[in-house]
Amino acid sequence: MREQVEEALNDIKPNLQRDGGDVELVEVGPDGIVKVRLVGACGNCPMSQITLKIGIEGHLKKVVPGVKEVVAV
């Protein structure tokens, strides 16, 4: 599942990078919890939680079976 998550994150990264941010995969747990680190402009953006839940989590749940939640660490 880790490879699928990495591929799905690569789909999103250009959008984040365009705004000066990025996302790094930290861990994919056996329970379907994906841990990521928001970096660059995304790390301190007031909209980062919306980006995390609606953008990143929404995309991962749609394209990677088994993803239950995405959390920032």
N, C-alpha and C. Protein backbone atom coordinates (compact mmCIF):
# COMPACT_ATOMS: atom_id res chain seq x y z
N MET A 1 0.83 -1.19 0.00
CA MET A 1 0.00 0.00 0.00
C MET A 1 0.88 1.26 0.00
N ARG A 2 2.08 1.19 0.57
CA ARG A 2 2.96 2.37 0.63
C ARG A 2 3.25 2.90 -0.78
N GLU A 3 3.54 2.01 -1.72
CA GLU A 3 3.83 2.45 -3.09
C GLU A 3 2.64 3.17 -3.70
N GLN A 4 1.45 2.65 -3.47
CA GLN A 4 0.24 3.29 -4.00
C GLN A 4 0.05 4.68 -3.41
N VAL A 5 0.32 4.83 -2.11
CA VAL A 5 0.19 6.13 -1.45
C VAL A 5 1.22 7.10 -2.02
N GLU A 6 2.45 6.63 -2.21
CA GLU A 6 3.49 7.50 -2.78
C GLU A 6 3.10 7.97 -4.18
N GLU A 7 2.57 7.07 -4.99
CA GLU A 7 2.13 7.44 -6.34
C GLU A 7 1.01 8.46 -6.28
N ALA A 8 0.06 8.25 -5.38
CA ALA A 8 -1.07 9.18 -5.25
C ALA A 8 -0.59 10.55 -4.77
N LEU A 9 0.37 10.57 -3.86
CA LEU A 9 0.92 11.85 -3.40
C LEU A 9 1.64 12.57 -4.53
N ASN A 10 2.29 11.80 -5.39
CA ASN A 10 2.98 12.41 -6.53
C ASN A 10 2.00 13.11 -7.47
N ASP A 11 0.74 12.66 -7.49
CA ASP A 11 -0.29 13.33 -8.29
C ASP A 11 -0.60 14.72 -7.74
N ILE A 12 -0.52 14.87 -6.42
CA ILE A 12 -0.92 16.10 -5.75
C ILE A 12 0.24 17.09 -5.63
N LYS A 13 1.45 16.57 -5.53
CA LYS A 13 2.62 17.40 -5.25
C LYS A 13 2.78 18.62 -6.17
N PRO A 14 2.57 18.51 -7.48
CA PRO A 14 2.74 19.70 -8.32
C PRO A 14 1.85 20.87 -7.90
N ASN A 15 0.65 20.59 -7.45
CA ASN A 15 -0.25 21.66 -6.99
C ASN A 15 0.29 22.32 -5.74
N LEU A 16 0.80 21.53 -4.81
CA LEU A 16 1.35 22.08 -3.58
C LEU A 16 2.64 22.87 -3.88
N GLN A 17 3.48 22.30 -4.73
CA GLN A 17 4.75 22.94 -5.06
C GLN A 17 4.55 24.26 -5.79
N ARG A 18 3.50 24.35 -6.55
CA ARG A 18 3.19 25.59 -7.27
C ARG A 18 2.97 26.74 -6.29
N ASP A 19 2.48 26.42 -5.10
CA ASP A 19 2.24 27.43 -4.07
C ASP A 19 3.36 27.52 -3.05
N GLY A 20 4.49 26.85 -3.32
CA GLY A 20 5.65 26.93 -2.43
C GLY A 20 5.67 25.91 -1.31
N GLY A 21 4.80 24.92 -1.38
CA GLY A 21 4.75 23.90 -0.33
C GLY A 21 5.05 22.52 -0.88
N ASP A 22 4.88 21.54 -0.02
CA ASP A 22 5.08 20.15 -0.42
C ASP A 22 4.57 19.25 0.68
N VAL A 23 4.53 17.96 0.39
CA VAL A 23 4.12 16.96 1.36
C VAL A 23 5.11 15.81 1.30
N GLU A 24 5.48 15.31 2.47
CA GLU A 24 6.38 14.17 2.57
C GLU A 24 5.66 13.03 3.27
N LEU A 25 5.79 11.83 2.74
CA LEU A 25 5.20 10.65 3.37
C LEU A 25 6.09 10.21 4.53
N VAL A 26 5.50 10.05 5.69
CA VAL A 26 6.24 9.61 6.87
C VAL A 26 6.00 8.13 7.12
N GLU A 27 4.72 7.72 7.10
CA GLU A 27 4.40 6.33 7.45
C GLU A 27 3.03 5.96 6.91
N VAL A 28 2.91 4.70 6.52
CA VAL A 28 1.61 4.12 6.18
C VAL A 28 1.40 2.98 7.17
N GLY A 29 0.46 3.17 8.07
CA GLY A 29 0.22 2.16 9.10
C GLY A 29 -0.66 1.02 8.60
N PRO A 30 -0.55 -0.13 9.23
CA PRO A 30 -1.38 -1.28 8.86
C PRO A 30 -2.87 -1.04 9.11
N ASP A 31 -3.17 0.00 9.92
CA ASP A 31 -4.55 0.34 10.24
C ASP A 31 -5.17 1.31 9.23
N GLY A 32 -4.39 1.66 8.17
CA GLY A 32 -4.91 2.56 7.15
C GLY A 32 -4.70 4.03 7.47
N ILE A 33 -3.94 4.31 8.52
CA ILE A 33 -3.61 5.70 8.88
C ILE A 33 -2.33 6.09 8.16
N VAL A 34 -2.40 7.16 7.38
CA VAL A 34 -1.25 7.66 6.63
C VAL A 34 -0.76 8.91 7.33
N LYS A 35 0.54 8.92 7.67
CA LYS A 35 1.14 10.07 8.33
C LYS A 35 2.00 10.81 7.32
N VAL A 36 1.77 12.11 7.24
CA VAL A 36 2.52 12.95 6.30
C VAL A 36 3.06 14.17 7.03
N ARG A 37 4.03 14.80 6.41
CA ARG A 37 4.57 16.05 6.92
C ARG A 37 4.37 17.10 5.84
N LEU A 38 3.70 18.18 6.20
CA LEU A 38 3.54 19.31 5.29
C LEU A 38 4.74 20.22 5.46
N VAL A 39 5.40 20.57 4.37
CA VAL A 39 6.62 21.36 4.43
C VAL A 39 6.50 22.60 3.55
N GLY A 40 7.48 23.48 3.68
CA GLY A 40 7.48 24.71 2.90
C GLY A 40 6.31 25.58 3.31
N ALA A 41 5.70 26.23 2.35
CA ALA A 41 4.58 27.12 2.62
C ALA A 41 3.41 26.38 3.26
N CYS A 42 3.28 25.09 3.00
CA CYS A 42 2.18 24.31 3.59
C CYS A 42 2.37 24.10 5.09
N GLY A 43 3.61 24.14 5.56
CA GLY A 43 3.89 23.88 6.95
C GLY A 43 3.29 24.89 7.91
N ASN A 44 3.17 26.14 7.48
CA ASN A 44 2.63 27.16 8.38
C ASN A 44 1.45 27.92 7.77
N CYS A 45 0.85 27.36 6.77
CA CYS A 45 -0.30 27.99 6.12
C CYS A 45 -1.55 27.80 6.98
N PRO A 46 -2.36 28.84 7.16
CA PRO A 46 -3.59 28.70 7.94
C PRO A 46 -4.61 27.75 7.28
N MET A 47 -4.44 27.50 6.00
CA MET A 47 -5.36 26.60 5.29
C MET A 47 -4.85 25.16 5.23
N SER A 48 -3.75 24.87 5.93
CA SER A 48 -3.12 23.56 5.80
C SER A 48 -4.03 22.41 6.22
N GLN A 49 -4.88 22.60 7.22
CA GLN A 49 -5.77 21.52 7.64
C GLN A 49 -6.82 21.22 6.58
N ILE A 50 -7.26 22.24 5.88
CA ILE A 50 -8.21 22.02 4.78
C ILE A 50 -7.51 21.30 3.64
N THR A 51 -6.29 21.73 3.32
CA THR A 51 -5.51 21.05 2.29
C THR A 51 -5.30 19.60 2.67
N LEU A 52 -4.98 19.34 3.94
CA LEU A 52 -4.72 17.99 4.41
C LEU A 52 -5.96 17.11 4.29
N LYS A 53 -7.07 17.57 4.81
CA LYS A 53 -8.27 16.73 4.87
C LYS A 53 -9.01 16.64 3.53
N ILE A 54 -9.27 17.77 2.92
CA ILE A 54 -10.06 17.76 1.69
C ILE A 54 -9.20 17.39 0.49
N GLY A 55 -8.04 18.01 0.39
CA GLY A 55 -7.18 17.75 -0.77
C GLY A 55 -6.46 16.42 -0.71
N ILE A 56 -5.60 16.27 0.27
CA ILE A 56 -4.73 15.08 0.34
C ILE A 56 -5.52 13.85 0.76
N GLU A 57 -6.20 13.91 1.89
CA GLU A 57 -6.95 12.75 2.37
C GLU A 57 -8.04 12.35 1.38
N GLY A 58 -8.75 13.33 0.85
CA GLY A 58 -9.80 13.02 -0.13
C GLY A 58 -9.26 12.28 -1.34
N HIS A 59 -8.14 12.74 -1.86
CA HIS A 59 -7.53 12.09 -3.03
C HIS A 59 -7.05 10.68 -2.69
N LEU A 60 -6.35 10.55 -1.56
CA LEU A 60 -5.82 9.23 -1.20
C LEU A 60 -6.95 8.21 -0.97
N LYS A 61 -8.00 8.63 -0.29
CA LYS A 61 -9.12 7.70 -0.06
C LYS A 61 -9.77 7.27 -1.38
N LYS A 62 -9.77 8.18 -2.34
CA LYS A 62 -10.39 7.88 -3.63
C LYS A 62 -9.57 6.89 -4.45
N VAL A 63 -8.24 7.01 -4.40
CA VAL A 63 -7.42 6.20 -5.30
C VAL A 63 -6.68 5.05 -4.64
N VAL A 64 -6.60 5.02 -3.31
CA VAL A 64 -5.87 3.94 -2.63
C VAL A 64 -6.81 3.22 -1.67
N PRO A 65 -7.24 2.01 -2.03
CA PRO A 65 -8.11 1.26 -1.12
C PRO A 65 -7.38 1.00 0.21
N GLY A 66 -8.10 1.15 1.29
CA GLY A 66 -7.52 0.88 2.59
C GLY A 66 -7.09 2.10 3.36
N VAL A 67 -6.99 3.26 2.72
CA VAL A 67 -6.65 4.48 3.45
C VAL A 67 -7.88 4.91 4.24
N LYS A 68 -7.68 5.04 5.56
CA LYS A 68 -8.79 5.43 6.44
C LYS A 68 -8.71 6.90 6.83
N GLU A 69 -7.47 7.39 7.04
CA GLU A 69 -7.30 8.76 7.50
C GLU A 69 -5.88 9.21 7.16
N VAL A 70 -5.73 10.52 6.98
CA VAL A 70 -4.40 11.12 6.76
C VAL A 70 -4.21 12.13 7.87
N VAL A 71 -3.08 12.02 8.57
CA VAL A 71 -2.77 12.93 9.66
C VAL A 71 -1.41 13.57 9.43
N ALA A 72 -1.26 14.81 9.88
CA ALA A 72 0.01 15.52 9.78
C ALA A 72 0.81 15.28 11.06
N VAL A 73 2.09 15.07 10.90
CA VAL A 73 2.98 14.89 12.06
C VAL A 73 4.09 15.92 12.04
